[in-house]
Amino acid sequence: MPTYPYPGSIMAPKHLYLALSLLGTILPVSQFLPFLGKNGLNVGEFMAQLFASPVSGFFGMDVIVSAVVLCVLVWVEGRRARVPHRWVPIVATLLVGVSLGLPLFLYFRERQLELRQV
């Protein structure tokens, strides 16, 4: 069994991030598919439902700001850490959301850090 840089961990961080990427895709998409089936790609209806109440608007704005911050982080920290394919987590964020983009970037970054240690 390989030795991970985190004593006592049963899973390498990159594998955890990959699992979280899968979860971060399945859960949001499972909620979006019924909307898509009923409304198609109706952006107006999507926005109306997203901001239908102050609480949903709060979550909508939180996710939008988080997505922008994540894209900046991916670009800046990804360049600093020399993470290849930085565009992939950005596209994933735009297509699915922060729940996919963040763990995917962390997976790529962890993989790059491992390569540097060899």
C-alpha atoms as a PDB file:
ATOM      1  CA  MET A   1       0.000   0.000   0.000  1.00  0.00           C
ATOM      2  CA  PRO A   2       1.472   3.401  -0.950  1.00  0.00           C
ATOM      3  CA  THR A   3       2.380   5.874   1.747  1.00  0.00           C
ATOM      4  CA  TYR A   4       0.365   9.048   1.452  1.00  0.00           C
ATOM      5  CA  PRO A   5       1.723  12.386   2.585  1.00  0.00           C
ATOM      6  CA  TYR A   6      -1.046  12.489   5.181  1.00  0.00           C
ATOM      7  CA  PRO A   7      -0.387   9.922   7.943  1.00  0.00           C
ATOM      8  CA  GLY A   8      -3.421   7.935   9.003  1.00  0.00           C
ATOM      9  CA  SER A   9      -5.420   8.749   5.870  1.00  0.00           C
ATOM     10  CA  ILE A  10      -7.054   5.820   4.148  1.00  0.00           C
ATOM     11  CA  MET A  11      -7.437   7.601   0.831  1.00  0.00           C
ATOM     12  CA  ALA A  12      -5.078   9.808  -1.146  1.00  0.00           C
ATOM     13  CA  PRO A  13      -6.410  13.371  -1.310  1.00  0.00           C
ATOM     14  CA  LYS A  14      -6.538  13.260  -5.097  1.00  0.00           C
ATOM     15  CA  HIS A  15      -8.873  10.243  -4.951  1.00  0.00           C
ATOM     16  CA  LEU A  16     -11.082  12.009  -2.414  1.00  0.00           C
ATOM     17  CA  TYR A  17     -11.246  15.081  -4.678  1.00  0.00           C
ATOM     18  CA  LEU A  18     -12.138  12.890  -7.636  1.00  0.00           C
ATOM     19  CA  ALA A  19     -14.939  11.228  -5.638  1.00  0.00           C
ATOM     20  CA  LEU A  20     -16.207  14.663  -4.569  1.00  0.00           C
ATOM     21  CA  SER A  21     -16.152  15.736  -8.232  1.00  0.00           C
ATOM     22  CA  LEU A  22     -18.425  12.825  -9.059  1.00  0.00           C
ATOM     23  CA  LEU A  23     -20.765  13.681  -6.194  1.00  0.00           C
ATOM     24  CA  GLY A  24     -20.603  17.361  -7.165  1.00  0.00           C
ATOM     25  CA  THR A  25     -21.838  16.406 -10.622  1.00  0.00           C
ATOM     26  CA  ILE A  26     -24.507  13.849  -9.759  1.00  0.00           C
ATOM     27  CA  LEU A  27     -26.326  15.824  -7.044  1.00  0.00           C
ATOM     28  CA  PRO A  28     -26.778  19.152  -8.882  1.00  0.00           C
ATOM     29  CA  VAL A  29     -27.517  17.539 -12.249  1.00  0.00           C
ATOM     30  CA  SER A  30     -30.141  15.295 -10.638  1.00  0.00           C
ATOM     31  CA  GLN A  31     -31.952  18.463  -9.550  1.00  0.00           C
ATOM     32  CA  PHE A  32     -31.547  20.211 -12.910  1.00  0.00           C
ATOM     33  CA  LEU A  33     -32.739  17.385 -15.175  1.00  0.00           C
ATOM     34  CA  PRO A  34     -36.434  17.645 -14.149  1.00  0.00           C
ATOM     35  CA  PHE A  35     -36.339  21.397 -14.876  1.00  0.00           C
ATOM     36  CA  LEU A  36     -34.687  20.716 -18.233  1.00  0.00           C
ATOM     37  CA  GLY A  37     -37.276  18.058 -19.069  1.00  0.00           C
ATOM     38  CA  LYS A  38     -40.141  20.407 -18.294  1.00  0.00           C
ATOM     39  CA  ASN A  39     -38.765  23.755 -19.544  1.00  0.00           C
ATOM     40  CA  GLY A  40     -35.913  22.966 -21.903  1.00  0.00           C
ATOM     41  CA  LEU A  41     -33.105  25.518 -21.966  1.00  0.00           C
ATOM     42  CA  ASN A  42     -35.423  28.381 -21.024  1.00  0.00           C
ATOM     43  CA  VAL A  43     -32.974  30.823 -19.431  1.00  0.00           C
ATOM     44  CA  GLY A  44     -35.739  33.261 -18.483  1.00  0.00           C
ATOM     45  CA  GLU A  45     -37.651  30.614 -16.547  1.00  0.00           C
ATOM     46  CA  PHE A  46     -34.427  29.383 -14.961  1.00  0.00           C
ATOM     47  CA  MET A  47     -33.609  32.889 -13.709  1.00  0.00           C
ATOM     48  CA  ALA A  48     -37.207  33.451 -12.549  1.00  0.00           C
ATOM     49  CA  GLN A  49     -37.098  30.270 -10.480  1.00  0.00           C
ATOM     50  CA  LEU A  50     -33.575  30.962  -9.217  1.00  0.00           C
ATOM     51  CA  PHE A  51     -34.611  34.361  -7.864  1.00  0.00           C
ATOM     52  CA  ALA A  52     -38.221  33.445  -6.966  1.00  0.00           C
ATOM     53  CA  SER A  53     -37.694  34.268  -3.282  1.00  0.00           C
ATOM     54  CA  PRO A  54     -35.161  36.177  -1.195  1.00  0.00           C
ATOM     55  CA  VAL A  55     -33.762  32.888   0.133  1.00  0.00           C
ATOM     56  CA  SER A  56     -33.280  31.346  -3.302  1.00  0.00           C
ATOM     57  CA  GLY A  57     -31.823  34.668  -4.490  1.00  0.00           C
ATOM     58  CA  PHE A  58     -29.370  34.556  -1.588  1.00  0.00           C
ATOM     59  CA  PHE A  59     -28.184  31.098  -2.641  1.00  0.00           C
ATOM     60  CA  GLY A  60     -28.121  32.072  -6.298  1.00  0.00           C
ATOM     61  CA  MET A  61     -25.951  35.127  -5.677  1.00  0.00           C
ATOM     62  CA  ASP A  62     -23.704  33.148  -3.320  1.00  0.00           C
ATOM     63  CA  VAL A  63     -23.075  30.502  -5.973  1.00  0.00           C
ATOM     64  CA  ILE A  64     -22.517  33.064  -8.739  1.00  0.00           C
ATOM     65  CA  VAL A  65     -19.953  34.971  -6.668  1.00  0.00           C
ATOM     66  CA  SER A  66     -18.317  31.688  -5.591  1.00  0.00           C
ATOM     67  CA  ALA A  67     -18.051  30.603  -9.231  1.00  0.00           C
ATOM     68  CA  VAL A  68     -16.318  33.859 -10.187  1.00  0.00           C
ATOM     69  CA  VAL A  69     -13.923  33.554  -7.232  1.00  0.00           C
ATOM     70  CA  LEU A  70     -13.207  29.937  -8.138  1.00  0.00           C
ATOM     71  CA  CYS A  71     -12.395  30.842 -11.748  1.00  0.00           C
ATOM     72  CA  VAL A  72      -9.933  33.489 -10.535  1.00  0.00           C
ATOM     73  CA  LEU A  73      -8.405  31.019  -8.063  1.00  0.00           C
ATOM     74  CA  VAL A  74      -8.046  28.342 -10.736  1.00  0.00           C
ATOM     75  CA  TRP A  75      -6.329  30.746 -13.083  1.00  0.00           C
ATOM     76  CA  VAL A  76      -3.999  32.395 -10.539  1.00  0.00           C
ATOM     77  CA  GLU A  77      -3.181  29.434  -8.271  1.00  0.00           C
ATOM     78  CA  GLY A  78      -3.193  27.045 -11.208  1.00  0.00           C
ATOM     79  CA  ARG A  79      -0.546  29.128 -12.945  1.00  0.00           C
ATOM     80  CA  ARG A  80       1.517  29.410  -9.753  1.00  0.00           C
ATOM     81  CA  ALA A  81       1.370  25.651  -9.120  1.00  0.00           C
ATOM     82  CA  ARG A  82       1.842  24.909 -12.831  1.00  0.00           C
ATOM     83  CA  VAL A  83      -1.388  22.931 -12.991  1.00  0.00           C
ATOM     84  CA  PRO A  84      -2.002  21.728 -16.548  1.00  0.00           C
ATOM     85  CA  HIS A  85      -5.417  21.999 -18.207  1.00  0.00           C
ATOM     86  CA  ARG A  86      -6.606  24.851 -15.974  1.00  0.00           C
ATOM     87  CA  TRP A  87      -9.430  25.483 -18.401  1.00  0.00           C
ATOM     88  CA  VAL A  88     -11.132  22.159 -17.533  1.00  0.00           C
ATOM     89  CA  PRO A  89     -12.274  23.159 -13.999  1.00  0.00           C
ATOM     90  CA  ILE A  90     -13.421  26.541 -15.351  1.00  0.00           C
ATOM     91  CA  VAL A  91     -15.561  24.885 -18.028  1.00  0.00           C
ATOM     92  CA  ALA A  92     -16.830  22.374 -15.429  1.00  0.00           C
ATOM     93  CA  THR A  93     -17.834  25.282 -13.187  1.00  0.00           C
ATOM     94  CA  LEU A  94     -19.733  26.950 -16.013  1.00  0.00           C
ATOM     95  CA  LEU A  95     -21.475  23.732 -17.083  1.00  0.00           C
ATOM     96  CA  VAL A  96     -22.289  22.179 -13.689  1.00  0.00           C
ATOM     97  CA  GLY A  97     -21.174  24.512 -10.922  1.00  0.00           C
ATOM     98  CA  VAL A  98     -18.721  25.109  -8.118  1.00  0.00           C
ATOM     99  CA  SER A  99     -19.551  21.653  -6.744  1.00  0.00           C
ATOM    100  CA  LEU A 100     -17.710  20.127  -9.711  1.00  0.00           C
ATOM    101  CA  GLY A 101     -15.187  22.845 -10.568  1.00  0.00           C
ATOM    102  CA  LEU A 102     -13.606  23.152  -7.113  1.00  0.00           C
ATOM    103  CA  PRO A 103     -12.924  19.474  -6.371  1.00  0.00           C
ATOM    104  CA  LEU A 104     -11.798  18.963  -9.976  1.00  0.00           C
ATOM    105  CA  PHE A 105      -9.255  21.780  -9.655  1.00  0.00           C
ATOM    106  CA  LEU A 106      -8.088  20.375  -6.309  1.00  0.00           C
ATOM    107  CA  TYR A 107      -7.663  16.966  -7.976  1.00  0.00           C
ATOM    108  CA  PHE A 108      -5.552  18.458 -10.780  1.00  0.00           C
ATOM    109  CA  ARG A 109      -3.518  20.482  -8.283  1.00  0.00           C
ATOM    110  CA  GLU A 110      -2.920  17.485  -6.002  1.00  0.00           C
ATOM    111  CA  ARG A 111      -1.851  15.388  -8.966  1.00  0.00           C
ATOM    112  CA  GLN A 112       0.611  18.103 -10.006  1.00  0.00           C
ATOM    113  CA  LEU A 113       2.009  18.336  -6.466  1.00  0.00           C
ATOM    114  CA  GLU A 114       2.526  14.562  -6.435  1.00  0.00           C
ATOM    115  CA  LEU A 115       4.419  14.723  -9.733  1.00  0.00           C
ATOM    116  CA  ARG A 116       6.741  17.364  -8.296  1.00  0.00           C
ATOM    117  CA  GLN A 117       7.605  15.146  -5.298  1.00  0.00           C
ATOM    118  CA  VAL A 118       8.801  12.280  -7.485  1.00  0.00           C
END
